[in-house]
Every structure is written in C-alpha cells, then in structure tokens.
C-alpha cells in the first residue's frame, strides 16, 4: 500500500509565505496540492506549476481562485510577468506520488521501467545508462550523487549493457549493488546515490532550480516571500548561495547565480540565517521529511540583479 502524501514543512512554509485574501501565491511544485490547498484555505489566489501532466488529477475542485500550469517552475516569469505575485513556494525533488508509482521508474524498491522523467518528454534514465560514455556516467554519479565509487559503477554498467540493455529499475539496482560488493549491513541501499544522480541528470534539476530562483526574484512584488524546501545538499547549497548573495551576505559572487554588478542593492532579506529543519514529530510521522530544510526570504524594493548583470 502506498504511503499517504504529506506535504513537508507545511506549517513552516505557510508561515513564511503568509497567504491571505488579496494575495497571489505561486506553488511552483504542485504535486498533490498540499501547499496550494493550504494557501487557498487562507484566502489567497494560487497559481501552481508542475511539469508532470498527471498532477492535474489533484487539481479538481480547487475552485476559481486556483490555476494549474503544466510547465516547469522556471517558466513562471514568462507566464506571470514581473512583480506579479506575493509569494513563491518550491518543494524540490521527486514527489511522494512519483516515488510510489513503479511505472515512473524513480525507485529501485519497486520494479518498473527505467524512466525517471518528471515530465512526459525527453530522454529517459534507460537512454542515459545505455548510451552514455562511461566517463560521462561517472561524472554524473560523482557530481549529482556524490558517489565515491562513481567510476566503478559506470564501468559495471558499460560492461553489462554490451550484452543486455538496461530497461528495469531493479535490474540496474542489482548491477550497482554487485559492483559495490553488496550491502554488507549498510542501512542505505548501495544504489541510492546513483539513482539520485540519474534522476537529477534526466530532469536537469539543478539548472531548473537556478533558473527558478531567478524567475522568483523577477515575479515577486516588494515584500513578497520566497520559501524553498530542499532535500539534499546539492539543492540546499544552490538555494543558500543564491539567497546569501542576493541578501548581500557574501563578499564575492556565487557560481550558482549571475554575477551582480558592483554596488547592487540586496534584492532579498533573509527571514532566517539558518535553514529550518522538520520537527521530531514530523519526521516520526513522515520519515521522508528527515532530510528536508526550509530557506525563506523577503523581496526588497531593489532592482533585479539579473537585469543589471
């Protein structure tokens, strides 16, 4: 039986966004609609984005103050225009529904086609592992999964696909497990980091995040709030670096955002210097929340940094 969907850090995100009547909020990662429903319940108008067309099934009955756009959240500035909204919420990574649906191919715990696409177009994970050069695969595992044995895994994949292409999730997981010498009592499955890396590469998630942060800066009105929930260090570093730079807390530029012109005024004010983790009660009720971190900031009246770069 699939686990029920629980929106991570829901109360904290709502507190950061401050939805209310007369306010327009973007839920950039609609999923099953947990954040959007909370914003609507507070009286806000909500525009939601999701690149997964299947998310539309969760949008039924949300009323006239709700709009769902089937597109990546990086497109929100093109869809909505500058200074158009009072809040933007992003819940990054793969959704619980996508993990629980074996046919989506995100999880090695359920046998399914090796797909991993959040949308319905582009190359699949099977395309990547069956055609990618071993050096390129190793780089993906190293950069996006922080996998120390990236070359060993890439070599094992290259040897195996010479005789039989990869098509199933459990097949790939078993090859990775054998390449790393089995679990040997490890709490985390040996394929965890490699699967994360493939998912990020297939969906270009980090570039999407960088573009989405810049889009959020553009569409937020002065006083508007940005709240981003991350689930691993790669995402969190990008969000932390972007907000630190845009709030004037870093002396130099960040490689994750366009370089600011000298003397640029901060475009954001941090709501908290530190990230907010889930409570013990939340992680007990929803173990998937344990790695989540929330970072939030408020838009100032300063001009866009990207426009001046």
C-alpha atoms as a PDB file:
ATOM      1  CA  UNK A   1       0.000   0.000   0.000  1.00  0.00           C
ATOM      2  CA  UNK A   2       1.352   3.424  -0.926  1.00  0.00           C
ATOM      3  CA  UNK A   3       2.180   5.835   1.866  1.00  0.00           C
ATOM      4  CA  UNK A   4      -0.158   8.843   2.093  1.00  0.00           C
ATOM      5  CA  UNK A   5       1.196  12.064   0.695  1.00  0.00           C
ATOM      6  CA  UNK A   6       2.275  14.511   3.378  1.00  0.00           C
ATOM      7  CA  UNK A   7       3.460  17.998   2.452  1.00  0.00           C
ATOM      8  CA  UNK A   8       6.814  18.518   4.137  1.00  0.00           C
ATOM      9  CA  UNK A   9       7.262  21.504   6.479  1.00  0.00           C
ATOM     10  CA  UNK A  10       3.740  22.632   5.566  1.00  0.00           C
ATOM     11  CA  UNK A  11       3.148  24.825   8.622  1.00  0.00           C
ATOM     12  CA  UNK A  12       6.573  26.429   8.301  1.00  0.00           C
ATOM     13  CA  UNK A  13       6.086  27.152   4.595  1.00  0.00           C
ATOM     14  CA  UNK A  14       2.662  28.702   5.211  1.00  0.00           C
ATOM     15  CA  UNK A  15       4.113  30.854   7.998  1.00  0.00           C
ATOM     16  CA  UNK A  16       6.898  32.034   5.680  1.00  0.00           C
ATOM     17  CA  UNK A  17       4.626  32.790   2.697  1.00  0.00           C
ATOM     18  CA  UNK A  18       1.826  34.448   4.741  1.00  0.00           C
ATOM     19  CA  UNK A  19      -1.065  33.664   2.356  1.00  0.00           C
ATOM     20  CA  UNK A  20      -4.141  35.844   2.854  1.00  0.00           C
ATOM     21  CA  UNK A  21      -7.123  37.292   0.960  1.00  0.00           C
ATOM     22  CA  UNK A  22      -5.939  39.599  -1.784  1.00  0.00           C
ATOM     23  CA  UNK A  23      -2.534  37.919  -2.057  1.00  0.00           C
ATOM     24  CA  UNK A  24      -1.419  35.946  -5.095  1.00  0.00           C
ATOM     25  CA  UNK A  25       0.841  32.964  -4.354  1.00  0.00           C
ATOM     26  CA  UNK A  26       2.718  30.591  -6.664  1.00  0.00           C
ATOM     27  CA  UNK A  27       3.060  26.917  -5.753  1.00  0.00           C
ATOM     28  CA  UNK A  28       5.918  26.075  -8.076  1.00  0.00           C
ATOM     29  CA  UNK A  29       5.850  22.335  -7.397  1.00  0.00           C
ATOM     30  CA  UNK A  30       2.162  21.420  -7.187  1.00  0.00           C
ATOM     31  CA  UNK A  31       2.432  17.638  -6.802  1.00  0.00           C
ATOM     32  CA  UNK A  32      -0.655  16.514  -4.882  1.00  0.00           C
ATOM     33  CA  UNK A  33      -1.503  20.093  -3.993  1.00  0.00           C
ATOM     34  CA  UNK A  34      -0.736  20.176  -0.268  1.00  0.00           C
ATOM     35  CA  UNK A  35       0.775  23.656  -0.245  1.00  0.00           C
ATOM     36  CA  UNK A  36      -1.756  25.014  -2.748  1.00  0.00           C
ATOM     37  CA  UNK A  37      -4.683  23.836  -0.628  1.00  0.00           C
ATOM     38  CA  UNK A  38      -3.217  25.472   2.463  1.00  0.00           C
ATOM     39  CA  UNK A  39      -2.726  28.765   0.597  1.00  0.00           C
ATOM     40  CA  UNK A  40      -6.281  28.621  -0.766  1.00  0.00           C
ATOM     41  CA  UNK A  41      -7.665  27.855   2.699  1.00  0.00           C
ATOM     42  CA  UNK A  42      -6.013  31.063   3.923  1.00  0.00           C
ATOM     43  CA  UNK A  43      -7.874  33.033   1.247  1.00  0.00           C
ATOM     44  CA  UNK A  44      -5.064  33.529  -1.284  1.00  0.00           C
ATOM     45  CA  UNK A  45      -5.257  33.226  -5.046  1.00  0.00           C
ATOM     46  CA  UNK A  46      -2.949  30.423  -6.224  1.00  0.00           C
ATOM     47  CA  UNK A  47      -1.182  29.724  -9.498  1.00  0.00           C
ATOM     48  CA  UNK A  48       0.520  26.322  -9.442  1.00  0.00           C
ATOM     49  CA  UNK A  49       3.152  24.849 -11.744  1.00  0.00           C
ATOM     50  CA  UNK A  50       4.075  21.221 -12.342  1.00  0.00           C
ATOM     51  CA  UNK A  51       5.922  19.672 -15.259  1.00  0.00           C
ATOM     52  CA  UNK A  52       4.107  16.357 -14.681  1.00  0.00           C
ATOM     53  CA  UNK A  53       0.778  16.220 -16.575  1.00  0.00           C
ATOM     54  CA  UNK A  54      -0.519  13.580 -14.163  1.00  0.00           C
ATOM     55  CA  UNK A  55      -0.581  16.227 -11.406  1.00  0.00           C
ATOM     56  CA  UNK A  56      -3.781  17.588 -12.968  1.00  0.00           C
ATOM     57  CA  UNK A  57      -5.773  14.837 -11.279  1.00  0.00           C
ATOM     58  CA  UNK A  58      -5.131  16.509  -7.923  1.00  0.00           C
ATOM     59  CA  UNK A  59      -6.396  19.900  -9.094  1.00  0.00           C
ATOM     60  CA  UNK A  60     -10.062  19.015  -9.394  1.00  0.00           C
ATOM     61  CA  UNK A  61     -12.425  21.053  -7.266  1.00  0.00           C
ATOM     62  CA  UNK A  62      -9.920  23.644  -6.110  1.00  0.00           C
ATOM     63  CA  UNK A  63     -12.152  26.489  -7.201  1.00  0.00           C
ATOM     64  CA  UNK A  64     -11.966  29.735  -9.167  1.00  0.00           C
ATOM     65  CA  UNK A  65      -9.001  31.127  -7.202  1.00  0.00           C
ATOM     66  CA  UNK A  66      -6.786  28.300  -8.450  1.00  0.00           C
ATOM     67  CA  UNK A  67      -4.946  27.806 -11.741  1.00  0.00           C
ATOM     68  CA  UNK A  68      -2.637  24.934 -12.703  1.00  0.00           C
ATOM     69  CA  UNK A  69       0.027  25.405 -15.385  1.00  0.00           C
ATOM     70  CA  UNK A  70       1.623  22.206 -16.709  1.00  0.00           C
ATOM     71  CA  UNK A  71       5.152  23.528 -17.149  1.00  0.00           C
ATOM     72  CA  UNK A  72       8.434  23.713 -15.215  1.00  0.00           C
ATOM     73  CA  UNK A  73       8.522  26.370 -12.493  1.00  0.00           C
ATOM     74  CA  UNK A  74      11.410  28.057 -14.310  1.00  0.00           C
ATOM     75  CA  UNK A  75       8.784  29.384 -16.761  1.00  0.00           C
ATOM     76  CA  UNK A  76       6.780  31.273 -14.128  1.00  0.00           C
ATOM     77  CA  UNK A  77       8.173  34.674 -15.090  1.00  0.00           C
ATOM     78  CA  UNK A  78       7.166  34.149 -18.727  1.00  0.00           C
ATOM     79  CA  UNK A  79       3.702  33.008 -17.663  1.00  0.00           C
ATOM     80  CA  UNK A  80       3.002  35.623 -14.983  1.00  0.00           C
ATOM     81  CA  UNK A  81       5.217  38.618 -15.705  1.00  0.00           C
ATOM     82  CA  UNK A  82       7.353  40.792 -13.450  1.00  0.00           C
ATOM     83  CA  UNK A  83       6.257  41.839  -9.950  1.00  0.00           C
ATOM     84  CA  UNK A  84       3.085  39.765 -10.268  1.00  0.00           C
ATOM     85  CA  UNK A  85       2.832  37.749  -7.043  1.00  0.00           C
ATOM     86  CA  UNK A  86       3.155  37.952  -3.260  1.00  0.00           C
ATOM     87  CA  UNK A  87       4.694  34.554  -2.612  1.00  0.00           C
ATOM     88  CA  UNK A  88       6.549  31.675  -4.263  1.00  0.00           C
ATOM     89  CA  UNK A  89       6.893  28.235  -2.675  1.00  0.00           C
ATOM     90  CA  UNK A  90       9.129  25.483  -4.089  1.00  0.00           C
ATOM     91  CA  UNK A  91       9.199  21.922  -2.749  1.00  0.00           C
ATOM     92  CA  UNK A  92      12.112  20.385  -4.620  1.00  0.00           C
ATOM     93  CA  UNK A  93      12.981  16.878  -5.733  1.00  0.00           C
ATOM     94  CA  UNK A  94      10.746  13.981  -6.648  1.00  0.00           C
ATOM     95  CA  UNK A  95       7.246  13.810  -5.178  1.00  0.00           C
ATOM     96  CA  UNK A  96       5.947  11.019  -2.967  1.00  0.00           C
ATOM     97  CA  UNK A  97       3.457  10.011  -5.654  1.00  0.00           C
ATOM     98  CA  UNK A  98       6.197   9.667  -8.256  1.00  0.00           C
ATOM     99  CA  UNK A  99       8.279   7.528  -5.885  1.00  0.00           C
ATOM    100  CA  UNK A 100       5.321   5.308  -5.100  1.00  0.00           C
ATOM    101  CA  UNK A 101       4.320   4.730  -8.734  1.00  0.00           C
ATOM    102  CA  UNK A 102       6.525   1.915 -10.003  1.00  0.00           C
ATOM    103  CA  UNK A 103       5.784   2.747 -13.633  1.00  0.00           C
ATOM    104  CA  UNK A 104       7.571   6.100 -13.234  1.00  0.00           C
ATOM    105  CA  UNK A 105      10.870   4.330 -12.556  1.00  0.00           C
ATOM    106  CA  UNK A 106      12.156   6.593  -9.772  1.00  0.00           C
ATOM    107  CA  UNK A 107      12.620   3.971  -7.079  1.00  0.00           C
ATOM    108  CA  UNK A 108      14.697   0.796  -7.032  1.00  0.00           C
ATOM    109  CA  UNK A 109      12.427  -0.523  -4.273  1.00  0.00           C
ATOM    110  CA  UNK A 110       9.700  -1.196  -6.862  1.00  0.00           C
ATOM    111  CA  UNK A 111      10.395  -2.853 -10.189  1.00  0.00           C
ATOM    112  CA  UNK A 112       9.404  -0.643 -13.085  1.00  0.00           C
ATOM    113  CA  UNK A 113      10.618   0.803 -16.371  1.00  0.00           C
ATOM    114  CA  UNK A 114      13.848   2.766 -16.046  1.00  0.00           C
ATOM    115  CA  UNK A 115      12.260   6.123 -16.843  1.00  0.00           C
ATOM    116  CA  UNK A 116      12.673   8.801 -14.091  1.00  0.00           C
ATOM    117  CA  UNK A 117      11.226  11.660 -16.161  1.00  0.00           C
ATOM    118  CA  UNK A 118       9.163  14.142 -14.164  1.00  0.00           C
ATOM    119  CA  UNK A 119       7.518  15.289 -17.399  1.00  0.00           C
ATOM    120  CA  UNK A 120       6.463  13.350 -20.459  1.00  0.00           C
ATOM    121  CA  UNK A 121       9.267  14.225 -22.877  1.00  0.00           C
ATOM    122  CA  UNK A 122      12.995  13.904 -23.326  1.00  0.00           C
ATOM    123  CA  UNK A 123      15.472  11.048 -22.777  1.00  0.00           C
ATOM    124  CA  UNK A 124      14.817   8.500 -20.043  1.00  0.00           C
ATOM    125  CA  UNK A 125      17.223   7.117 -17.474  1.00  0.00           C
ATOM    126  CA  UNK A 126      17.441   3.980 -19.642  1.00  0.00           C
ATOM    127  CA  UNK A 127      18.583   6.120 -22.570  1.00  0.00           C
ATOM    128  CA  UNK A 128      21.237   7.661 -20.369  1.00  0.00           C
ATOM    129  CA  UNK A 129      22.699   4.448 -18.940  1.00  0.00           C
ATOM    130  CA  UNK A 130      22.529   2.556 -22.232  1.00  0.00           C
ATOM    131  CA  UNK A 131      24.170   5.213 -24.429  1.00  0.00           C
ATOM    132  CA  UNK A 132      26.221   7.471 -22.159  1.00  0.00           C
ATOM    133  CA  UNK A 133      30.006   7.253 -22.262  1.00  0.00           C
ATOM    134  CA  UNK A 134      31.390   5.631 -19.086  1.00  0.00           C
ATOM    135  CA  UNK A 135      33.296   8.824 -18.243  1.00  0.00           C
ATOM    136  CA  UNK A 136      30.113  10.851 -18.565  1.00  0.00           C
ATOM    137  CA  UNK A 137      28.155   8.425 -16.384  1.00  0.00           C
ATOM    138  CA  UNK A 138      30.899   8.503 -13.751  1.00  0.00           C
ATOM    139  CA  UNK A 139      30.790  12.282 -13.766  1.00  0.00           C
ATOM    140  CA  UNK A 140      27.001  12.243 -13.272  1.00  0.00           C
ATOM    141  CA  UNK A 141      27.270   9.829 -10.337  1.00  0.00           C
ATOM    142  CA  UNK A 142      30.052  11.892  -8.777  1.00  0.00           C
ATOM    143  CA  UNK A 143      28.557  15.363  -9.231  1.00  0.00           C
ATOM    144  CA  UNK A 144      24.868  14.663  -8.690  1.00  0.00           C
ATOM    145  CA  UNK A 145      25.032  11.692  -6.343  1.00  0.00           C
ATOM    146  CA  UNK A 146      28.316  12.477  -4.562  1.00  0.00           C
ATOM    147  CA  UNK A 147      29.091   8.819  -5.155  1.00  0.00           C
ATOM    148  CA  UNK A 148      32.737   7.992  -4.363  1.00  0.00           C
ATOM    149  CA  UNK A 149      32.642   4.777  -6.385  1.00  0.00           C
ATOM    150  CA  UNK A 150      31.303   6.510  -9.480  1.00  0.00           C
ATOM    151  CA  UNK A 151      33.866   5.034 -11.880  1.00  0.00           C
ATOM    152  CA  UNK A 152      33.339   1.511 -10.631  1.00  0.00           C
ATOM    153  CA  UNK A 153      29.583   1.816 -11.118  1.00  0.00           C
ATOM    154  CA  UNK A 154      29.974   3.334 -14.597  1.00  0.00           C
ATOM    155  CA  UNK A 155      32.342   0.536 -15.640  1.00  0.00           C
ATOM    156  CA  UNK A 156      29.941  -2.135 -14.387  1.00  0.00           C
ATOM    157  CA  UNK A 157      27.080  -0.547 -16.319  1.00  0.00           C
ATOM    158  CA  UNK A 158      29.164  -0.317 -19.506  1.00  0.00           C
ATOM    159  CA  UNK A 159      30.203  -3.992 -19.291  1.00  0.00           C
ATOM    160  CA  UNK A 160      26.698  -5.257 -18.678  1.00  0.00           C
ATOM    161  CA  UNK A 161      24.967  -3.214 -21.403  1.00  0.00           C
ATOM    162  CA  UNK A 162      27.246  -4.746 -24.053  1.00  0.00           C
ATOM    163  CA  UNK A 163      25.146  -7.903 -23.852  1.00  0.00           C
ATOM    164  CA  UNK A 164      21.803  -6.710 -22.447  1.00  0.00           C
ATOM    165  CA  UNK A 165      20.495  -3.136 -22.331  1.00  0.00           C
ATOM    166  CA  UNK A 166      19.012  -1.846 -19.106  1.00  0.00           C
ATOM    167  CA  UNK A 167      15.237  -1.461 -19.082  1.00  0.00           C
ATOM    168  CA  UNK A 168      14.137  -2.030 -15.440  1.00  0.00           C
ATOM    169  CA  UNK A 169      14.879  -0.272 -12.167  1.00  0.00           C
ATOM    170  CA  UNK A 170      15.621  -3.364 -10.086  1.00  0.00           C
ATOM    171  CA  UNK A 171      17.960  -4.702 -12.764  1.00  0.00           C
ATOM    172  CA  UNK A 172      20.097  -1.552 -12.615  1.00  0.00           C
ATOM    173  CA  UNK A 173      19.997  -1.536  -8.817  1.00  0.00           C
ATOM    174  CA  UNK A 174      21.235  -5.118  -8.679  1.00  0.00           C
ATOM    175  CA  UNK A 175      24.139  -4.368 -11.031  1.00  0.00           C
ATOM    176  CA  UNK A 176      25.142  -1.379  -8.896  1.00  0.00           C
ATOM    177  CA  UNK A 177      24.844  -3.433  -5.715  1.00  0.00           C
ATOM    178  CA  UNK A 178      27.100  -6.158  -7.110  1.00  0.00           C
ATOM    179  CA  UNK A 179      29.608  -3.577  -8.356  1.00  0.00           C
ATOM    180  CA  UNK A 180      29.903  -2.151  -4.851  1.00  0.00           C
ATOM    181  CA  UNK A 181      30.188  -5.519  -3.144  1.00  0.00           C
ATOM    182  CA  UNK A 182      26.674  -5.799  -1.755  1.00  0.00           C
ATOM    183  CA  UNK A 183      25.058  -4.075   1.184  1.00  0.00           C
ATOM    184  CA  UNK A 184      27.194  -5.614   3.933  1.00  0.00           C
ATOM    185  CA  UNK A 185      24.804  -4.442   6.609  1.00  0.00           C
ATOM    186  CA  UNK A 186      24.551  -0.865   5.280  1.00  0.00           C
ATOM    187  CA  UNK A 187      21.364   0.988   6.202  1.00  0.00           C
ATOM    188  CA  UNK A 188      21.286   2.756   2.838  1.00  0.00           C
ATOM    189  CA  UNK A 189      20.975   0.742  -0.375  1.00  0.00           C
ATOM    190  CA  UNK A 190      24.166   0.940  -2.492  1.00  0.00           C
ATOM    191  CA  UNK A 191      22.179   2.236  -5.470  1.00  0.00           C
ATOM    192  CA  UNK A 192      20.693   5.221  -3.620  1.00  0.00           C
ATOM    193  CA  UNK A 193      23.240   7.830  -4.696  1.00  0.00           C
ATOM    194  CA  UNK A 194      23.428   6.611  -8.292  1.00  0.00           C
ATOM    195  CA  UNK A 195      19.638   6.666  -8.660  1.00  0.00           C
ATOM    196  CA  UNK A 196      19.515  10.197  -7.240  1.00  0.00           C
ATOM    197  CA  UNK A 197      22.189  11.265  -9.707  1.00  0.00           C
ATOM    198  CA  UNK A 198      20.379   9.771 -12.696  1.00  0.00           C
ATOM    199  CA  UNK A 199      17.100  11.425 -11.690  1.00  0.00           C
ATOM    200  CA  UNK A 200      18.776  14.831 -11.361  1.00  0.00           C
ATOM    201  CA  UNK A 201      20.519  14.417 -14.724  1.00  0.00           C
ATOM    202  CA  UNK A 202      17.417  13.199 -16.571  1.00  0.00           C
ATOM    203  CA  UNK A 203      15.353  16.153 -15.324  1.00  0.00           C
ATOM    204  CA  UNK A 204      18.162  18.745 -15.322  1.00  0.00           C
ATOM    205  CA  UNK A 205      17.025  19.582 -11.800  1.00  0.00           C
ATOM    206  CA  UNK A 206      19.866  21.824 -10.672  1.00  0.00           C
ATOM    207  CA  UNK A 207      19.722  24.059 -13.735  1.00  0.00           C
ATOM    208  CA  UNK A 208      15.944  24.188 -13.319  1.00  0.00           C
ATOM    209  CA  UNK A 209      16.401  25.273  -9.707  1.00  0.00           C
ATOM    210  CA  UNK A 210      18.863  28.019 -10.622  1.00  0.00           C
ATOM    211  CA  UNK A 211      16.524  29.334 -13.328  1.00  0.00           C
ATOM    212  CA  UNK A 212      13.556  29.064 -10.973  1.00  0.00           C
ATOM    213  CA  UNK A 213      15.219  31.166  -8.267  1.00  0.00           C
ATOM    214  CA  UNK A 214      15.947  33.913 -10.784  1.00  0.00           C
ATOM    215  CA  UNK A 215      12.358  33.716 -12.045  1.00  0.00           C
ATOM    216  CA  UNK A 216      11.051  34.001  -8.473  1.00  0.00           C
ATOM    217  CA  UNK A 217      13.131  37.132  -7.920  1.00  0.00           C
ATOM    218  CA  UNK A 218      11.554  38.599 -11.032  1.00  0.00           C
ATOM    219  CA  UNK A 219       7.886  37.868 -10.272  1.00  0.00           C
ATOM    220  CA  UNK A 220       7.836  38.712  -6.561  1.00  0.00           C
ATOM    221  CA  UNK A 221       6.498  42.116  -5.579  1.00  0.00           C
ATOM    222  CA  UNK A 222       8.369  44.107  -2.908  1.00  0.00           C
ATOM    223  CA  UNK A 223       7.513  42.436   0.385  1.00  0.00           C
ATOM    224  CA  UNK A 224       6.731  39.149  -1.356  1.00  0.00           C
ATOM    225  CA  UNK A 225       8.083  35.962   0.179  1.00  0.00           C
ATOM    226  CA  UNK A 226      10.136  33.094  -1.255  1.00  0.00           C
ATOM    227  CA  UNK A 227      10.166  29.726   0.551  1.00  0.00           C
ATOM    228  CA  UNK A 228      12.211  26.779  -0.759  1.00  0.00           C
ATOM    229  CA  UNK A 229      12.248  23.268   0.712  1.00  0.00           C
ATOM    230  CA  UNK A 230      15.305  21.213  -0.266  1.00  0.00           C
ATOM    231  CA  UNK A 231      16.037  17.532   0.319  1.00  0.00           C
ATOM    232  CA  UNK A 232      19.763  17.134  -0.297  1.00  0.00           C
ATOM    233  CA  UNK A 233      22.943  19.141  -0.030  1.00  0.00           C
ATOM    234  CA  UNK A 234      23.251  19.918  -3.748  1.00  0.00           C
ATOM    235  CA  UNK A 235      19.903  21.711  -3.770  1.00  0.00           C
ATOM    236  CA  UNK A 236      20.497  23.403  -0.437  1.00  0.00           C
ATOM    237  CA  UNK A 237      23.890  24.788  -1.485  1.00  0.00           C
ATOM    238  CA  UNK A 238      22.331  26.450  -4.528  1.00  0.00           C
ATOM    239  CA  UNK A 239      19.471  27.989  -2.542  1.00  0.00           C
ATOM    240  CA  UNK A 240      21.741  29.048   0.313  1.00  0.00           C
ATOM    241  CA  UNK A 241      24.253  30.596  -2.074  1.00  0.00           C
ATOM    242  CA  UNK A 242      21.593  32.423  -4.085  1.00  0.00           C
ATOM    243  CA  UNK A 243      19.887  33.923  -1.042  1.00  0.00           C
ATOM    244  CA  UNK A 244      23.152  34.782   0.693  1.00  0.00           C
ATOM    245  CA  UNK A 245      24.380  36.619  -2.375  1.00  0.00           C
ATOM    246  CA  UNK A 246      21.081  38.333  -3.124  1.00  0.00           C
ATOM    247  CA  UNK A 247      20.800  39.479   0.513  1.00  0.00           C
ATOM    248  CA  UNK A 248      24.304  40.949   0.478  1.00  0.00           C
ATOM    249  CA  UNK A 249      25.767  38.408   2.869  1.00  0.00           C
ATOM    250  CA  UNK A 250      28.593  37.212   0.614  1.00  0.00           C
ATOM    251  CA  UNK A 251      31.592  39.346  -0.393  1.00  0.00           C
ATOM    252  CA  UNK A 252      32.024  37.648  -3.757  1.00  0.00           C
ATOM    253  CA  UNK A 253      29.873  36.159  -6.464  1.00  0.00           C
ATOM    254  CA  UNK A 254      28.288  32.713  -6.452  1.00  0.00           C
ATOM    255  CA  UNK A 255      28.843  30.273  -9.278  1.00  0.00           C
ATOM    256  CA  UNK A 256      25.152  29.379  -8.989  1.00  0.00           C
ATOM    257  CA  UNK A 257      23.828  32.799  -9.981  1.00  0.00           C
ATOM    258  CA  UNK A 258      24.651  35.615 -12.380  1.00  0.00           C
ATOM    259  CA  UNK A 259      27.365  37.915 -11.142  1.00  0.00           C
ATOM    260  CA  UNK A 260      25.983  41.044  -9.518  1.00  0.00           C
ATOM    261  CA  UNK A 261      27.135  44.486 -10.585  1.00  0.00           C
ATOM    262  CA  UNK A 262      29.315  46.331  -8.123  1.00  0.00           C
ATOM    263  CA  UNK A 263      27.216  48.145  -5.555  1.00  0.00           C
ATOM    264  CA  UNK A 264      23.972  46.271  -6.319  1.00  0.00           C
ATOM    265  CA  UNK A 265      21.407  46.618  -3.554  1.00  0.00           C
ATOM    266  CA  UNK A 266      20.156  43.400  -1.917  1.00  0.00           C
ATOM    267  CA  UNK A 267      17.074  42.066  -3.667  1.00  0.00           C
ATOM    268  CA  UNK A 268      16.151  39.821  -0.719  1.00  0.00           C
ATOM    269  CA  UNK A 269      16.167  39.981   3.063  1.00  0.00           C
ATOM    270  CA  UNK A 270      16.638  36.640   4.789  1.00  0.00           C
ATOM    271  CA  UNK A 271      13.840  35.625   7.148  1.00  0.00           C
ATOM    272  CA  UNK A 272      16.351  33.431   8.972  1.00  0.00           C
ATOM    273  CA  UNK A 273      20.094  32.997   8.528  1.00  0.00           C
ATOM    274  CA  UNK A 274      19.832  29.274   9.249  1.00  0.00           C
ATOM    275  CA  UNK A 275      17.694  26.739   7.458  1.00  0.00           C
ATOM    276  CA  UNK A 276      14.645  25.316   9.217  1.00  0.00           C
ATOM    277  CA  UNK A 277      14.514  21.512   9.673  1.00  0.00           C
ATOM    278  CA  UNK A 278      11.369  19.482  10.320  1.00  0.00           C
ATOM    279  CA  UNK A 279      10.316  18.824  13.886  1.00  0.00           C
ATOM    280  CA  UNK A 280      10.854  15.446  15.524  1.00  0.00           C
ATOM    281  CA  UNK A 281       7.103  14.910  15.399  1.00  0.00           C
ATOM    282  CA  UNK A 282       7.028  15.475  11.651  1.00  0.00           C
ATOM    283  CA  UNK A 283       9.917  13.111  10.914  1.00  0.00           C
ATOM    284  CA  UNK A 284       8.278  10.472  13.110  1.00  0.00           C
ATOM    285  CA  UNK A 285       5.053  10.805  11.114  1.00  0.00           C
ATOM    286  CA  UNK A 286       6.802  11.141   7.742  1.00  0.00           C
ATOM    287  CA  UNK A 287      10.340   9.672   7.552  1.00  0.00           C
ATOM    288  CA  UNK A 288      10.801  11.159   4.070  1.00  0.00           C
ATOM    289  CA  UNK A 289      10.906  14.599   5.719  1.00  0.00           C
ATOM    290  CA  UNK A 290      14.057  13.915   7.727  1.00  0.00           C
ATOM    291  CA  UNK A 291      16.455  15.486   5.214  1.00  0.00           C
ATOM    292  CA  UNK A 292      14.233  18.460   4.354  1.00  0.00           C
ATOM    293  CA  UNK A 293      15.376  22.031   5.002  1.00  0.00           C
ATOM    294  CA  UNK A 294      13.460  25.275   4.501  1.00  0.00           C
ATOM    295  CA  UNK A 295      15.076  28.571   3.500  1.00  0.00           C
ATOM    296  CA  UNK A 296      12.971  31.712   3.152  1.00  0.00           C
ATOM    297  CA  UNK A 297      13.470  35.356   2.265  1.00  0.00           C
ATOM    298  CA  UNK A 298      11.505  38.528   1.511  1.00  0.00           C
ATOM    299  CA  UNK A 299      11.800  40.545  -1.703  1.00  0.00           C
ATOM    300  CA  UNK A 300      13.074  44.075  -1.281  1.00  0.00           C
ATOM    301  CA  UNK A 301      12.410  47.085  -3.497  1.00  0.00           C
ATOM    302  CA  UNK A 302      15.831  46.728  -5.171  1.00  0.00           C
ATOM    303  CA  UNK A 303      16.048  46.140  -8.941  1.00  0.00           C
ATOM    304  CA  UNK A 304      16.622  42.674 -10.352  1.00  0.00           C
ATOM    305  CA  UNK A 305      20.263  41.605 -10.168  1.00  0.00           C
ATOM    306  CA  UNK A 306      19.978  39.599 -13.384  1.00  0.00           C
ATOM    307  CA  UNK A 307      18.773  42.649 -15.296  1.00  0.00           C
ATOM    308  CA  UNK A 308      21.838  44.608 -14.186  1.00  0.00           C
ATOM    309  CA  UNK A 309      24.354  41.798 -14.764  1.00  0.00           C
END
